[in-house]
Amino acid sequence: MSFRMIEPWVNPRSKFYWFRRRVPAKYRQFGMPSEIKFSLETTDRDEAVLRCQERT
């Protein structure tokens, strides 16, 4: 079994990298949003990958 690493997403309007992750349906029934997303506050890809892995 292989696991996908979460990768940062580039916001086309600001060029900053963002963290995005979907929330499973079984947790959304408790009032959670369908996805979690926030800015990683960097335009450097390598730093964004590190920050993304720290947040998971």
PDB file of N, CA and C in Angstrom:
ATOM      1  N   MET A   1       0.843  -1.168   0.000  1.00  0.00           N
ATOM      2  CA  MET A   1       0.000   0.000   0.000  1.00  0.00           C
ATOM      3  C   MET A   1       0.892   1.235   0.000  1.00  0.00           C
ATOM      4  N   SER A   2       0.554   2.199  -0.844  1.00  0.00           N
ATOM      5  CA  SER A   2       1.340   3.432  -0.881  1.00  0.00           C
ATOM      6  C   SER A   2       0.474   4.599  -0.422  1.00  0.00           C
ATOM      7  N   PHE A   3       1.130   5.569   0.160  1.00  0.00           N
ATOM      8  CA  PHE A   3       0.446   6.752   0.642  1.00  0.00           C
ATOM      9  C   PHE A   3       0.901   7.950  -0.169  1.00  0.00           C
ATOM     10  N   ARG A   4      -0.037   8.800  -0.507  1.00  0.00           N
ATOM     11  CA  ARG A   4       0.296  10.023  -1.224  1.00  0.00           C
ATOM     12  C   ARG A   4       0.722  11.088  -0.230  1.00  0.00           C
ATOM     13  N   MET A   5       1.800  11.766  -0.542  1.00  0.00           N
ATOM     14  CA  MET A   5       2.236  12.882   0.280  1.00  0.00           C
ATOM     15  C   MET A   5       1.385  14.096  -0.077  1.00  0.00           C
ATOM     16  N   ILE A   6       1.040  14.866   0.913  1.00  0.00           N
ATOM     17  CA  ILE A   6       0.277  16.083   0.659  1.00  0.00           C
ATOM     18  C   ILE A   6       1.238  17.128   0.111  1.00  0.00           C
ATOM     19  N   GLU A   7       0.884  17.693  -1.041  1.00  0.00           N
ATOM     20  CA  GLU A   7       1.738  18.688  -1.672  1.00  0.00           C
ATOM     21  C   GLU A   7       1.081  20.055  -1.597  1.00  0.00           C
ATOM     22  N   PRO A   8       1.894  21.090  -1.533  1.00  0.00           N
ATOM     23  CA  PRO A   8       1.339  22.441  -1.504  1.00  0.00           C
ATOM     24  C   PRO A   8       0.692  22.800  -2.830  1.00  0.00           C
ATOM     25  N   TRP A   9      -0.269  23.699  -2.768  1.00  0.00           N
ATOM     26  CA  TRP A   9      -1.032  24.138  -3.925  1.00  0.00           C
ATOM     27  C   TRP A   9      -0.733  25.613  -4.157  1.00  0.00           C
ATOM     28  N   VAL A  10      -0.497  26.012  -5.399  1.00  0.00           N
ATOM     29  CA  VAL A  10      -0.209  27.410  -5.714  1.00  0.00           C
ATOM     30  C   VAL A  10      -1.514  28.138  -5.963  1.00  0.00           C
ATOM     31  N   ASN A  11      -1.730  29.212  -5.219  1.00  0.00           N
ATOM     32  CA  ASN A  11      -2.901  30.049  -5.437  1.00  0.00           C
ATOM     33  C   ASN A  11      -2.619  30.933  -6.652  1.00  0.00           C
ATOM     34  N   PRO A  12      -3.387  30.802  -7.727  1.00  0.00           N
ATOM     35  CA  PRO A  12      -3.088  31.557  -8.949  1.00  0.00           C
ATOM     36  C   PRO A  12      -3.242  33.070  -8.794  1.00  0.00           C
ATOM     37  N   ARG A  13      -4.025  33.521  -7.833  1.00  0.00           N
ATOM     38  CA  ARG A  13      -4.205  34.963  -7.648  1.00  0.00           C
ATOM     39  C   ARG A  13      -3.068  35.610  -6.886  1.00  0.00           C
ATOM     40  N   SER A  14      -2.409  34.876  -5.988  1.00  0.00           N
ATOM     41  CA  SER A  14      -1.383  35.505  -5.155  1.00  0.00           C
ATOM     42  C   SER A  14       0.011  34.926  -5.346  1.00  0.00           C
ATOM     43  N   LYS A  15       0.135  33.771  -6.005  1.00  0.00           N
ATOM     44  CA  LYS A  15       1.415  33.080  -6.225  1.00  0.00           C
ATOM     45  C   LYS A  15       2.021  32.508  -4.947  1.00  0.00           C
ATOM     46  N   PHE A  16       1.297  32.552  -3.834  1.00  0.00           N
ATOM     47  CA  PHE A  16       1.755  31.916  -2.599  1.00  0.00           C
ATOM     48  C   PHE A  16       1.280  30.467  -2.593  1.00  0.00           C
ATOM     49  N   TYR A  17       2.009  29.625  -1.888  1.00  0.00           N
ATOM     50  CA  TYR A  17       1.612  28.222  -1.741  1.00  0.00           C
ATOM     51  C   TYR A  17       0.618  28.086  -0.594  1.00  0.00           C
ATOM     52  N   TRP A  18      -0.316  27.171  -0.766  1.00  0.00           N
ATOM     53  CA  TRP A  18      -1.355  26.920   0.225  1.00  0.00           C
ATOM     54  C   TRP A  18      -1.370  25.445   0.595  1.00  0.00           C
ATOM     55  N   PHE A  19      -1.829  25.156   1.802  1.00  0.00           N
ATOM     56  CA  PHE A  19      -2.087  23.800   2.291  1.00  0.00           C
ATOM     57  C   PHE A  19      -3.565  23.535   2.035  1.00  0.00           C
ATOM     58  N   ARG A  20      -3.881  22.420   1.382  1.00  0.00           N
ATOM     59  CA  ARG A  20      -5.275  22.012   1.160  1.00  0.00           C
ATOM     60  C   ARG A  20      -5.408  20.536   1.484  1.00  0.00           C
ATOM     61  N   ARG A  21      -6.437  20.218   2.238  1.00  0.00           N
ATOM     62  CA  ARG A  21      -6.698  18.814   2.568  1.00  0.00           C
ATOM     63  C   ARG A  21      -8.198  18.607   2.728  1.00  0.00           C
ATOM     64  N   ARG A  22      -8.715  17.563   2.097  1.00  0.00           N
ATOM     65  CA  ARG A  22     -10.140  17.235   2.217  1.00  0.00           C
ATOM     66  C   ARG A  22     -10.408  16.568   3.555  1.00  0.00           C
ATOM     67  N   VAL A  23     -11.579  16.832   4.097  1.00  0.00           N
ATOM     68  CA  VAL A  23     -12.015  16.220   5.348  1.00  0.00           C
ATOM     69  C   VAL A  23     -12.935  15.056   4.983  1.00  0.00           C
ATOM     70  N   PRO A  24     -12.700  13.870   5.568  1.00  0.00           N
ATOM     71  CA  PRO A  24     -13.563  12.719   5.255  1.00  0.00           C
ATOM     72  C   PRO A  24     -15.033  12.997   5.590  1.00  0.00           C
ATOM     73  N   ALA A  25     -15.928  12.382   4.829  1.00  0.00           N
ATOM     74  CA  ALA A  25     -17.371  12.616   4.974  1.00  0.00           C
ATOM     75  C   ALA A  25     -17.871  12.272   6.371  1.00  0.00           C
ATOM     76  N   LYS A  26     -17.272  11.263   7.005  1.00  0.00           N
ATOM     77  CA  LYS A  26     -17.763  10.874   8.334  1.00  0.00           C
ATOM     78  C   LYS A  26     -17.515  11.959   9.384  1.00  0.00           C
ATOM     79  N   TYR A  27     -16.562  12.858   9.142  1.00  0.00           N
ATOM     80  CA  TYR A  27     -16.313  13.957  10.072  1.00  0.00           C
ATOM     81  C   TYR A  27     -17.085  15.220   9.695  1.00  0.00           C
ATOM     82  N   ARG A  28     -17.464  15.334   8.422  1.00  0.00           N
ATOM     83  CA  ARG A  28     -18.229  16.504   7.985  1.00  0.00           C
ATOM     84  C   ARG A  28     -19.618  16.524   8.591  1.00  0.00           C
ATOM     85  N   GLN A  29     -20.153  15.373   8.968  1.00  0.00           N
ATOM     86  CA  GLN A  29     -21.486  15.337   9.558  1.00  0.00           C
ATOM     87  C   GLN A  29     -21.525  16.011  10.927  1.00  0.00           C
ATOM     88  N   PHE A  30     -20.359  16.249  11.525  1.00  0.00           N
ATOM     89  CA  PHE A  30     -20.293  16.920  12.822  1.00  0.00           C
ATOM     90  C   PHE A  30     -20.094  18.424  12.689  1.00  0.00           C
ATOM     91  N   GLY A  31     -20.260  18.948  11.469  1.00  0.00           N
ATOM     92  CA  GLY A  31     -20.183  20.377  11.251  1.00  0.00           C
ATOM     93  C   GLY A  31     -18.835  20.884  10.779  1.00  0.00           C
ATOM     94  N   MET A  32     -17.919  19.973  10.455  1.00  0.00           N
ATOM     95  CA  MET A  32     -16.623  20.415   9.934  1.00  0.00           C
ATOM     96  C   MET A  32     -16.770  20.825   8.475  1.00  0.00           C
ATOM     97  N   PRO A  33     -15.918  21.731   7.998  1.00  0.00           N
ATOM     98  CA  PRO A  33     -15.974  22.097   6.576  1.00  0.00           C
ATOM     99  C   PRO A  33     -15.503  20.938   5.699  1.00  0.00           C
ATOM    100  N   SER A  34     -15.747  21.029   4.404  1.00  0.00           N
ATOM    101  CA  SER A  34     -15.391  19.943   3.494  1.00  0.00           C
ATOM    102  C   SER A  34     -13.894  19.878   3.223  1.00  0.00           C
ATOM    103  N   GLU A  35     -13.172  20.998   3.431  1.00  0.00           N
ATOM    104  CA  GLU A  35     -11.724  20.973   3.280  1.00  0.00           C
ATOM    105  C   GLU A  35     -11.081  21.980   4.230  1.00  0.00           C
ATOM    106  N   ILE A  36      -9.821  21.705   4.532  1.00  0.00           N
ATOM    107  CA  ILE A  36      -9.027  22.599   5.369  1.00  0.00           C
ATOM    108  C   ILE A  36      -8.009  23.247   4.444  1.00  0.00           C
ATOM    109  N   LYS A  37      -7.941  24.572   4.456  1.00  0.00           N
ATOM    110  CA  LYS A  37      -6.964  25.244   3.610  1.00  0.00           C
ATOM    111  C   LYS A  37      -6.501  26.531   4.292  1.00  0.00           C
ATOM    112  N   PHE A  38      -5.202  26.794   4.148  1.00  0.00           N
ATOM    113  CA  PHE A  38      -4.615  28.017   4.683  1.00  0.00           C
ATOM    114  C   PHE A  38      -3.300  28.279   3.974  1.00  0.00           C
ATOM    115  N   SER A  39      -2.866  29.524   4.011  1.00  0.00           N
ATOM    116  CA  SER A  39      -1.652  29.938   3.315  1.00  0.00           C
ATOM    117  C   SER A  39      -0.417  29.453   4.060  1.00  0.00           C
ATOM    118  N   LEU A  40       0.579  29.014   3.314  1.00  0.00           N
ATOM    119  CA  LEU A  40       1.866  28.642   3.888  1.00  0.00           C
ATOM    120  C   LEU A  40       2.825  29.837   3.918  1.00  0.00           C
ATOM    121  N   GLU A  41       2.361  30.968   3.378  1.00  0.00           N
ATOM    122  CA  GLU A  41       3.068  32.248   3.421  1.00  0.00           C
ATOM    123  C   GLU A  41       4.479  32.202   2.831  1.00  0.00           C
ATOM    124  N   THR A  42       4.622  31.511   1.709  1.00  0.00           N
ATOM    125  CA  THR A  42       5.905  31.466   1.008  1.00  0.00           C
ATOM    126  C   THR A  42       5.662  31.270  -0.487  1.00  0.00           C
ATOM    127  N   THR A  43       6.598  31.766  -1.287  1.00  0.00           N
ATOM    128  CA  THR A  43       6.544  31.547  -2.731  1.00  0.00           C
ATOM    129  C   THR A  43       7.611  30.546  -3.170  1.00  0.00           C
ATOM    130  N   ASP A  44       8.435  30.089  -2.240  1.00  0.00           N
ATOM    131  CA  ASP A  44       9.492  29.117  -2.521  1.00  0.00           C
ATOM    132  C   ASP A  44       8.938  27.697  -2.390  1.00  0.00           C
ATOM    133  N   ARG A  45       9.058  26.894  -3.440  1.00  0.00           N
ATOM    134  CA  ARG A  45       8.479  25.542  -3.446  1.00  0.00           C
ATOM    135  C   ARG A  45       9.087  24.639  -2.373  1.00  0.00           C
ATOM    136  N   ASP A  46      10.411  24.646  -2.236  1.00  0.00           N
ATOM    137  CA  ASP A  46      11.058  23.771  -1.257  1.00  0.00           C
ATOM    138  C   ASP A  46      10.614  24.089   0.167  1.00  0.00           C
ATOM    139  N   GLU A  47      10.526  25.353   0.486  1.00  0.00           N
ATOM    140  CA  GLU A  47      10.083  25.735   1.824  1.00  0.00           C
ATOM    141  C   GLU A  47       8.611  25.395   2.032  1.00  0.00           C
ATOM    142  N   ALA A  48       7.809  25.538   0.978  1.00  0.00           N
ATOM    143  CA  ALA A  48       6.394  25.202   1.074  1.00  0.00           C
ATOM    144  C   ALA A  48       6.189  23.718   1.338  1.00  0.00           C
ATOM    145  N   VAL A  49       6.997  22.866   0.708  1.00  0.00           N
ATOM    146  CA  VAL A  49       6.895  21.422   0.941  1.00  0.00           C
ATOM    147  C   VAL A  49       7.221  21.094   2.398  1.00  0.00           C
ATOM    148  N   LEU A  50       8.254  21.711   2.929  1.00  0.00           N
ATOM    149  CA  LEU A  50       8.614  21.480   4.334  1.00  0.00           C
ATOM    150  C   LEU A  50       7.512  21.935   5.276  1.00  0.00           C
ATOM    151  N   ARG A  51       6.970  23.121   5.039  1.00  0.00           N
ATOM    152  CA  ARG A  51       5.898  23.639   5.892  1.00  0.00           C
ATOM    153  C   ARG A  51       4.639  22.784   5.786  1.00  0.00           C
ATOM    154  N   CYS A  52       4.373  22.283   4.600  1.00  0.00           N
ATOM    155  CA  CYS A  52       3.204  21.433   4.386  1.00  0.00           C
ATOM    156  C   CYS A  52       3.345  20.126   5.169  1.00  0.00           C
ATOM    157  N   GLN A  53       4.522  19.538   5.163  1.00  0.00           N
ATOM    158  CA  GLN A  53       4.757  18.294   5.892  1.00  0.00           C
ATOM    159  C   GLN A  53       4.733  18.516   7.398  1.00  0.00           C
ATOM    160  N   GLU A  54       5.133  19.682   7.865  1.00  0.00           N
ATOM    161  CA  GLU A  54       5.081  19.983   9.297  1.00  0.00           C
ATOM    162  C   GLU A  54       3.653  20.061   9.799  1.00  0.00           C
ATOM    163  N   ARG A  55       2.743  20.503   8.942  1.00  0.00           N
ATOM    164  CA  ARG A  55       1.352  20.734   9.340  1.00  0.00           C
ATOM    165  C   ARG A  55       0.499  19.485   9.300  1.00  0.00           C
ATOM    166  N   THR A  56       0.991  18.397   8.665  1.00  0.00           N
ATOM    167  CA  THR A  56       0.165  17.187   8.571  1.00  0.00           C
ATOM    168  C   THR A  56       0.302  16.326   9.781  1.00  0.00           C
TER     169      THR A  56
END
